[in-house]
């Protein structure tokens, strides 16, 4: 069974899958884990656009996902991160 193709429309559902694959190791399932200096996403004041940029460019020990994820996937991951409160 093939994985669903990445869509051109960002979605929280797609973002959750991306988060579980790439982000959970340091940020944890609830966004609060804090491994390798990862910030607590649940208290982040970053806007959606700022989160997208951080996912794209990385920060400190965080991997820059530019070239790994598509623009749509990065936006989806940022949208999902907004739901972690």
PDB file of N, CA and C in Angstrom:
ATOM      1  N   UNK A   1       0.847  -1.192   0.000  1.00  0.00           N
ATOM      2  CA  UNK A   1       0.000   0.000   0.000  1.00  0.00           C
ATOM      3  C   UNK A   1       0.884   1.244   0.000  1.00  0.00           C
ATOM      4  N   UNK A   2       0.601   2.128  -0.941  1.00  0.00           N
ATOM      5  CA  UNK A   2       1.415   3.340  -1.054  1.00  0.00           C
ATOM      6  C   UNK A   2       0.964   4.399  -0.057  1.00  0.00           C
ATOM      7  N   UNK A   3       1.931   5.191   0.401  1.00  0.00           N
ATOM      8  CA  UNK A   3       1.595   6.321   1.264  1.00  0.00           C
ATOM      9  C   UNK A   3       0.878   7.360   0.412  1.00  0.00           C
ATOM     10  N   UNK A   4      -0.036   8.128   1.022  1.00  0.00           N
ATOM     11  CA  UNK A   4      -0.709   9.159   0.238  1.00  0.00           C
ATOM     12  C   UNK A   4       0.292  10.204  -0.245  1.00  0.00           C
ATOM     13  N   UNK A   5       0.095  10.677  -1.449  1.00  0.00           N
ATOM     14  CA  UNK A   5       0.998  11.686  -2.013  1.00  0.00           C
ATOM     15  C   UNK A   5       0.844  12.987  -1.240  1.00  0.00           C
ATOM     16  N   UNK A   6       1.942  13.708  -1.098  1.00  0.00           N
ATOM     17  CA  UNK A   6       1.881  15.005  -0.439  1.00  0.00           C
ATOM     18  C   UNK A   6       0.995  15.925  -1.272  1.00  0.00           C
ATOM     19  N   UNK A   7       0.103  16.599  -0.592  1.00  0.00           N
ATOM     20  CA  UNK A   7      -0.814  17.466  -1.334  1.00  0.00           C
ATOM     21  C   UNK A   7      -0.221  18.864  -1.459  1.00  0.00           C
ATOM     22  N   UNK A   8      -0.869  19.690  -2.267  1.00  0.00           N
ATOM     23  CA  UNK A   8      -0.427  21.073  -2.434  1.00  0.00           C
ATOM     24  C   UNK A   8      -1.115  21.986  -1.430  1.00  0.00           C
ATOM     25  N   UNK A   9      -2.060  21.419  -0.670  1.00  0.00           N
ATOM     26  CA  UNK A   9      -2.800  22.209   0.302  1.00  0.00           C
ATOM     27  C   UNK A   9      -2.349  21.824   1.709  1.00  0.00           C
ATOM     28  N   UNK A  10      -1.791  22.784   2.448  1.00  0.00           N
ATOM     29  CA  UNK A  10      -1.353  22.464   3.807  1.00  0.00           C
ATOM     30  C   UNK A  10      -2.541  22.045   4.673  1.00  0.00           C
ATOM     31  N   UNK A  11      -2.314  21.112   5.580  1.00  0.00           N
ATOM     32  CA  UNK A  11      -3.375  20.678   6.482  1.00  0.00           C
ATOM     33  C   UNK A  11      -2.794  20.266   7.821  1.00  0.00           C
ATOM     34  N   UNK A  12      -3.590  20.435   8.868  1.00  0.00           N
ATOM     35  CA  UNK A  12      -3.184  20.023  10.208  1.00  0.00           C
ATOM     36  C   UNK A  12      -2.945  18.516  10.240  1.00  0.00           C
ATOM     37  N   UNK A  13      -3.774  17.753   9.521  1.00  0.00           N
ATOM     38  CA  UNK A  13      -3.626  16.291   9.501  1.00  0.00           C
ATOM     39  C   UNK A  13      -2.276  15.882   8.906  1.00  0.00           C
ATOM     40  N   UNK A  14      -1.909  16.511   7.801  1.00  0.00           N
ATOM     41  CA  UNK A  14      -0.599  16.234   7.201  1.00  0.00           C
ATOM     42  C   UNK A  14       0.499  16.689   8.159  1.00  0.00           C
ATOM     43  N   UNK A  15       0.295  17.831   8.780  1.00  0.00           N
ATOM     44  CA  UNK A  15       1.280  18.360   9.735  1.00  0.00           C
ATOM     45  C   UNK A  15       1.525  17.424  10.898  1.00  0.00           C
ATOM     46  N   UNK A  16       0.463  16.770  11.355  1.00  0.00           N
ATOM     47  CA  UNK A  16       0.599  15.817  12.461  1.00  0.00           C
ATOM     48  C   UNK A  16       1.486  14.647  12.050  1.00  0.00           C
ATOM     49  N   UNK A  17       1.293  14.144  10.839  1.00  0.00           N
ATOM     50  CA  UNK A  17       2.125  13.037  10.348  1.00  0.00           C
ATOM     51  C   UNK A  17       3.594  13.462  10.258  1.00  0.00           C
ATOM     52  N   UNK A  18       3.834  14.656   9.754  1.00  0.00           N
ATOM     53  CA  UNK A  18       5.200  15.179   9.637  1.00  0.00           C
ATOM     54  C   UNK A  18       5.807  15.364  11.023  1.00  0.00           C
ATOM     55  N   UNK A  19       5.030  15.930  11.938  1.00  0.00           N
ATOM     56  CA  UNK A  19       5.491  16.139  13.310  1.00  0.00           C
ATOM     57  C   UNK A  19       5.906  14.814  13.936  1.00  0.00           C
ATOM     58  N   UNK A  20       5.043  13.795  13.780  1.00  0.00           N
ATOM     59  CA  UNK A  20       5.330  12.484  14.374  1.00  0.00           C
ATOM     60  C   UNK A  20       6.576  11.855  13.765  1.00  0.00           C
ATOM     61  N   UNK A  21       6.900  12.197  12.529  1.00  0.00           N
ATOM     62  CA  UNK A  21       8.069  11.621  11.873  1.00  0.00           C
ATOM     63  C   UNK A  21       9.355  12.380  12.201  1.00  0.00           C
ATOM     64  N   UNK A  22       9.276  13.717  12.214  1.00  0.00           N
ATOM     65  CA  UNK A  22      10.499  14.509  12.307  1.00  0.00           C
ATOM     66  C   UNK A  22      10.695  15.289  13.609  1.00  0.00           C
ATOM     67  N   UNK A  23       9.623  15.607  14.314  1.00  0.00           N
ATOM     68  CA  UNK A  23       9.716  16.574  15.410  1.00  0.00           C
ATOM     69  C   UNK A  23       9.589  15.959  16.797  1.00  0.00           C
ATOM     70  N   UNK A  24       8.919  14.799  16.860  1.00  0.00           N
ATOM     71  CA  UNK A  24       8.558  14.202  18.143  1.00  0.00           C
ATOM     72  C   UNK A  24       9.789  13.804  18.968  1.00  0.00           C
ATOM     73  N   UNK A  25      10.877  13.457  18.309  1.00  0.00           N
ATOM     74  CA  UNK A  25      12.071  12.998  19.010  1.00  0.00           C
ATOM     75  C   UNK A  25      12.561  14.041  20.016  1.00  0.00           C
ATOM     76  N   UNK A  26      12.577  15.307  19.619  1.00  0.00           N
ATOM     77  CA  UNK A  26      13.051  16.369  20.518  1.00  0.00           C
ATOM     78  C   UNK A  26      11.920  17.122  21.211  1.00  0.00           C
ATOM     79  N   UNK A  27      10.800  17.337  20.499  1.00  0.00           N
ATOM     80  CA  UNK A  27       9.716  18.132  21.078  1.00  0.00           C
ATOM     81  C   UNK A  27       8.693  17.286  21.837  1.00  0.00           C
ATOM     82  N   UNK A  28       8.683  15.957  21.618  1.00  0.00           N
ATOM     83  CA  UNK A  28       7.745  15.085  22.312  1.00  0.00           C
ATOM     84  C   UNK A  28       6.350  15.144  21.719  1.00  0.00           C
ATOM     85  N   UNK A  29       5.526  14.165  22.067  1.00  0.00           N
ATOM     86  CA  UNK A  29       4.181  14.081  21.495  1.00  0.00           C
ATOM     87  C   UNK A  29       3.310  15.264  21.894  1.00  0.00           C
ATOM     88  N   UNK A  30       3.600  15.863  23.067  1.00  0.00           N
ATOM     89  CA  UNK A  30       2.790  16.994  23.528  1.00  0.00           C
ATOM     90  C   UNK A  30       3.480  18.340  23.311  1.00  0.00           C
ATOM     91  N   UNK A  31       4.682  18.327  22.708  1.00  0.00           N
ATOM     92  CA  UNK A  31       5.394  19.576  22.431  1.00  0.00           C
ATOM     93  C   UNK A  31       6.240  20.082  23.588  1.00  0.00           C
ATOM     94  N   UNK A  32       6.280  19.341  24.696  1.00  0.00           N
ATOM     95  CA  UNK A  32       6.939  19.820  25.921  1.00  0.00           C
ATOM     96  C   UNK A  32       8.228  19.076  26.290  1.00  0.00           C
ATOM     97  N   UNK A  33       8.674  18.135  25.477  1.00  0.00           N
ATOM     98  CA  UNK A  33       9.768  17.251  25.881  1.00  0.00           C
ATOM     99  C   UNK A  33      11.086  17.975  26.138  1.00  0.00           C
ATOM    100  N   UNK A  34      11.484  18.862  25.226  1.00  0.00           N
ATOM    101  CA  UNK A  34      12.668  19.680  25.476  1.00  0.00           C
ATOM    102  C   UNK A  34      14.013  18.996  25.343  1.00  0.00           C
ATOM    103  N   UNK A  35      14.120  17.957  24.536  1.00  0.00           N
ATOM    104  CA  UNK A  35      15.403  17.285  24.317  1.00  0.00           C
ATOM    105  C   UNK A  35      16.276  18.148  23.392  1.00  0.00           C
ATOM    106  N   UNK A  36      17.583  18.150  23.617  1.00  0.00           N
ATOM    107  CA  UNK A  36      18.534  18.902  22.784  1.00  0.00           C
ATOM    108  C   UNK A  36      18.215  20.400  22.726  1.00  0.00           C
ATOM    109  N   UNK A  37      17.660  20.933  23.805  1.00  0.00           N
ATOM    110  CA  UNK A  37      17.358  22.357  23.853  1.00  0.00           C
ATOM    111  C   UNK A  37      16.080  22.752  23.138  1.00  0.00           C
ATOM    112  N   UNK A  38      15.269  21.760  22.723  1.00  0.00           N
ATOM    113  CA  UNK A  38      14.010  22.059  22.033  1.00  0.00           C
ATOM    114  C   UNK A  38      13.097  22.870  22.947  1.00  0.00           C
ATOM    115  N   UNK A  39      12.492  23.890  22.376  1.00  0.00           N
ATOM    116  CA  UNK A  39      11.586  24.743  23.144  1.00  0.00           C
ATOM    117  C   UNK A  39      10.238  24.062  23.356  1.00  0.00           C
ATOM    118  N   UNK A  40       9.542  24.464  24.414  1.00  0.00           N
ATOM    119  CA  UNK A  40       8.192  23.984  24.704  1.00  0.00           C
ATOM    120  C   UNK A  40       7.242  24.671  23.727  1.00  0.00           C
ATOM    121  N   UNK A  41       6.772  23.920  22.761  1.00  0.00           N
ATOM    122  CA  UNK A  41       5.905  24.472  21.716  1.00  0.00           C
ATOM    123  C   UNK A  41       4.593  24.991  22.297  1.00  0.00           C
ATOM    124  N   UNK A  42       4.137  24.388  23.405  1.00  0.00           N
ATOM    125  CA  UNK A  42       2.827  24.750  23.951  1.00  0.00           C
ATOM    126  C   UNK A  42       2.786  26.171  24.509  1.00  0.00           C
ATOM    127  N   UNK A  43       3.931  26.729  24.823  1.00  0.00           N
ATOM    128  CA  UNK A  43       3.961  28.102  25.352  1.00  0.00           C
ATOM    129  C   UNK A  43       4.583  29.083  24.360  1.00  0.00           C
ATOM    130  N   UNK A  44       4.901  28.605  23.169  1.00  0.00           N
ATOM    131  CA  UNK A  44       5.515  29.457  22.151  1.00  0.00           C
ATOM    132  C   UNK A  44       4.594  30.592  21.746  1.00  0.00           C
ATOM    133  N   UNK A  45       5.167  31.782  21.609  1.00  0.00           N
ATOM    134  CA  UNK A  45       4.406  32.949  21.155  1.00  0.00           C
ATOM    135  C   UNK A  45       4.633  33.201  19.656  1.00  0.00           C
ATOM    136  N   UNK A  46       5.379  32.308  18.995  1.00  0.00           N
ATOM    137  CA  UNK A  46       5.667  32.498  17.571  1.00  0.00           C
ATOM    138  C   UNK A  46       4.392  32.428  16.739  1.00  0.00           C
ATOM    139  N   UNK A  47       4.314  33.292  15.740  1.00  0.00           N
ATOM    140  CA  UNK A  47       3.191  33.259  14.805  1.00  0.00           C
ATOM    141  C   UNK A  47       3.370  32.066  13.865  1.00  0.00           C
ATOM    142  N   UNK A  48       2.333  31.781  13.092  1.00  0.00           N
ATOM    143  CA  UNK A  48       2.408  30.698  12.106  1.00  0.00           C
ATOM    144  C   UNK A  48       3.574  30.940  11.154  1.00  0.00           C
ATOM    145  N   UNK A  49       3.723  32.181  10.676  1.00  0.00           N
ATOM    146  CA  UNK A  49       4.797  32.510   9.727  1.00  0.00           C
ATOM    147  C   UNK A  49       6.170  32.336  10.379  1.00  0.00           C
ATOM    148  N   UNK A  50       6.305  32.746  11.634  1.00  0.00           N
ATOM    149  CA  UNK A  50       7.583  32.585  12.337  1.00  0.00           C
ATOM    150  C   UNK A  50       7.907  31.111  12.549  1.00  0.00           C
ATOM    151  N   UNK A  51       6.904  30.325  12.831  1.00  0.00           N
ATOM    152  CA  UNK A  51       7.113  28.879  13.003  1.00  0.00           C
ATOM    153  C   UNK A  51       7.556  28.249  11.683  1.00  0.00           C
ATOM    154  N   UNK A  52       6.910  28.649  10.592  1.00  0.00           N
ATOM    155  CA  UNK A  52       7.303  28.132   9.276  1.00  0.00           C
ATOM    156  C   UNK A  52       8.773  28.440   9.006  1.00  0.00           C
ATOM    157  N   UNK A  53       9.184  29.672   9.294  1.00  0.00           N
ATOM    158  CA  UNK A  53      10.566  30.081   9.039  1.00  0.00           C
ATOM    159  C   UNK A  53      11.537  29.280   9.907  1.00  0.00           C
ATOM    160  N   UNK A  54      11.165  29.034  11.161  1.00  0.00           N
ATOM    161  CA  UNK A  54      12.035  28.270  12.051  1.00  0.00           C
ATOM    162  C   UNK A  54      12.157  26.821  11.583  1.00  0.00           C
ATOM    163  N   UNK A  55      11.064  26.240  11.117  1.00  0.00           N
ATOM    164  CA  UNK A  55      11.102  24.879  10.580  1.00  0.00           C
ATOM    165  C   UNK A  55      12.000  24.868   9.339  1.00  0.00           C
ATOM    166  N   UNK A  56      11.867  25.882   8.511  1.00  0.00           N
ATOM    167  CA  UNK A  56      12.637  25.970   7.266  1.00  0.00           C
ATOM    168  C   UNK A  56      14.130  26.157   7.526  1.00  0.00           C
ATOM    169  N   UNK A  57      14.464  27.093   8.421  1.00  0.00           N
ATOM    170  CA  UNK A  57      15.863  27.489   8.635  1.00  0.00           C
ATOM    171  C   UNK A  57      16.537  26.805   9.821  1.00  0.00           C
ATOM    172  N   UNK A  58      15.719  26.218  10.730  1.00  0.00           N
ATOM    173  CA  UNK A  58      16.280  25.601  11.918  1.00  0.00           C
ATOM    174  C   UNK A  58      16.700  26.659  12.928  1.00  0.00           C
ATOM    175  N   UNK A  59      17.153  26.201  14.100  1.00  0.00           N
ATOM    176  CA  UNK A  59      17.624  27.104  15.137  1.00  0.00           C
ATOM    177  C   UNK A  59      18.440  26.298  16.123  1.00  0.00           C
ATOM    178  N   UNK A  60      19.631  26.788  16.447  1.00  0.00           N
ATOM    179  CA  UNK A  60      20.527  26.072  17.362  1.00  0.00           C
ATOM    180  C   UNK A  60      20.690  24.621  16.898  1.00  0.00           C
ATOM    181  N   UNK A  61      20.291  23.646  17.720  1.00  0.00           N
ATOM    182  CA  UNK A  61      20.468  22.232  17.349  1.00  0.00           C
ATOM    183  C   UNK A  61      19.371  21.726  16.417  1.00  0.00           C
ATOM    184  N   UNK A  62      18.342  22.565  16.152  1.00  0.00           N
ATOM    185  CA  UNK A  62      17.231  22.114  15.313  1.00  0.00           C
ATOM    186  C   UNK A  62      17.634  22.061  13.845  1.00  0.00           C
ATOM    187  N   UNK A  63      17.296  20.955  13.215  1.00  0.00           N
ATOM    188  CA  UNK A  63      17.572  20.756  11.793  1.00  0.00           C
ATOM    189  C   UNK A  63      16.818  21.768  10.943  1.00  0.00           C
ATOM    190  N   UNK A  64      17.481  22.404   9.967  1.00  0.00           N
ATOM    191  CA  UNK A  64      16.719  23.175   8.980  1.00  0.00           C
ATOM    192  C   UNK A  64      16.081  22.197   7.985  1.00  0.00           C
ATOM    193  N   UNK A  65      14.776  22.285   7.823  1.00  0.00           N
ATOM    194  CA  UNK A  65      14.071  21.310   6.988  1.00  0.00           C
ATOM    195  C   UNK A  65      13.911  21.758   5.542  1.00  0.00           C
ATOM    196  N   UNK A  66      14.491  22.897   5.191  1.00  0.00           N
ATOM    197  CA  UNK A  66      14.505  23.346   3.801  1.00  0.00           C
ATOM    198  C   UNK A  66      15.258  22.295   2.989  1.00  0.00           C
ATOM    199  N   UNK A  67      14.666  21.805   1.916  1.00  0.00           N
ATOM    200  CA  UNK A  67      15.315  20.767   1.118  1.00  0.00           C
ATOM    201  C   UNK A  67      14.972  19.355   1.570  1.00  0.00           C
ATOM    202  N   UNK A  68      14.399  19.221   2.777  1.00  0.00           N
ATOM    203  CA  UNK A  68      13.948  17.914   3.277  1.00  0.00           C
ATOM    204  C   UNK A  68      12.440  17.823   3.099  1.00  0.00           C
ATOM    205  N   UNK A  69      11.749  18.892   3.507  1.00  0.00           N
ATOM    206  CA  UNK A  69      10.294  18.971   3.390  1.00  0.00           C
ATOM    207  C   UNK A  69       9.924  20.010   2.339  1.00  0.00           C
ATOM    208  N   UNK A  70       8.772  19.832   1.721  1.00  0.00           N
ATOM    209  CA  UNK A  70       8.272  20.828   0.768  1.00  0.00           C
ATOM    210  C   UNK A  70       7.738  22.036   1.543  1.00  0.00           C
ATOM    211  N   UNK A  71       7.507  23.140   0.827  1.00  0.00           N
ATOM    212  CA  UNK A  71       6.915  24.335   1.457  1.00  0.00           C
ATOM    213  C   UNK A  71       5.574  23.969   2.100  1.00  0.00           C
ATOM    214  N   UNK A  72       4.777  23.178   1.391  1.00  0.00           N
ATOM    215  CA  UNK A  72       3.467  22.768   1.901  1.00  0.00           C
ATOM    216  C   UNK A  72       3.622  21.944   3.171  1.00  0.00           C
ATOM    217  N   UNK A  73       4.578  21.022   3.183  1.00  0.00           N
ATOM    218  CA  UNK A  73       4.798  20.183   4.368  1.00  0.00           C
ATOM    219  C   UNK A  73       5.260  21.026   5.557  1.00  0.00           C
ATOM    220  N   UNK A  74       6.136  22.001   5.313  1.00  0.00           N
ATOM    221  CA  UNK A  74       6.606  22.865   6.405  1.00  0.00           C
ATOM    222  C   UNK A  74       5.451  23.691   6.962  1.00  0.00           C
ATOM    223  N   UNK A  75       4.593  24.187   6.079  1.00  0.00           N
ATOM    224  CA  UNK A  75       3.427  24.960   6.526  1.00  0.00           C
ATOM    225  C   UNK A  75       2.481  24.058   7.318  1.00  0.00           C
ATOM    226  N   UNK A  76       2.275  22.835   6.849  1.00  0.00           N
ATOM    227  CA  UNK A  76       1.416  21.883   7.565  1.00  0.00           C
ATOM    228  C   UNK A  76       1.960  21.604   8.961  1.00  0.00           C
ATOM    229  N   UNK A  77       3.265  21.394   9.072  1.00  0.00           N
ATOM    230  CA  UNK A  77       3.880  21.132  10.377  1.00  0.00           C
ATOM    231  C   UNK A  77       3.708  22.337  11.303  1.00  0.00           C
ATOM    232  N   UNK A  78       3.869  23.540  10.742  1.00  0.00           N
ATOM    233  CA  UNK A  78       3.680  24.757  11.541  1.00  0.00           C
ATOM    234  C   UNK A  78       2.221  24.866  11.984  1.00  0.00           C
ATOM    235  N   UNK A  79       1.282  24.545  11.098  1.00  0.00           N
ATOM    236  CA  UNK A  79      -0.147  24.578  11.446  1.00  0.00           C
ATOM    237  C   UNK A  79      -0.425  23.591  12.570  1.00  0.00           C
ATOM    238  N   UNK A  80       0.122  22.395  12.477  1.00  0.00           N
ATOM    239  CA  UNK A  80      -0.086  21.391  13.536  1.00  0.00           C
ATOM    240  C   UNK A  80       0.502  21.893  14.856  1.00  0.00           C
ATOM    241  N   UNK A  81       1.675  22.526  14.801  1.00  0.00           N
ATOM    242  CA  UNK A  81       2.321  22.992  16.044  1.00  0.00           C
ATOM    243  C   UNK A  81       1.452  24.012  16.768  1.00  0.00           C
ATOM    244  N   UNK A  82       0.622  24.765  16.004  1.00  0.00           N
ATOM    245  CA  UNK A  82      -0.273  25.749  16.609  1.00  0.00           C
ATOM    246  C   UNK A  82      -1.365  25.071  17.460  1.00  0.00           C
ATOM    247  N   UNK A  83      -1.642  23.775  17.209  1.00  0.00           N
ATOM    248  CA  UNK A  83      -2.690  23.078  17.950  1.00  0.00           C
ATOM    249  C   UNK A  83      -2.178  22.528  19.276  1.00  0.00           C
ATOM    250  N   UNK A  84      -0.868  22.542  19.484  1.00  0.00           N
ATOM    251  CA  UNK A  84      -0.277  22.036  20.729  1.00  0.00           C
ATOM    252  C   UNK A  84      -0.324  23.130  21.783  1.00  0.00           C
ATOM    253  N   UNK A  85      -1.293  23.064  22.663  1.00  0.00           N
ATOM    254  CA  UNK A  85      -1.460  24.099  23.690  1.00  0.00           C
ATOM    255  C   UNK A  85      -1.526  23.477  25.065  1.00  0.00           C
TER     256      UNK A  85
END
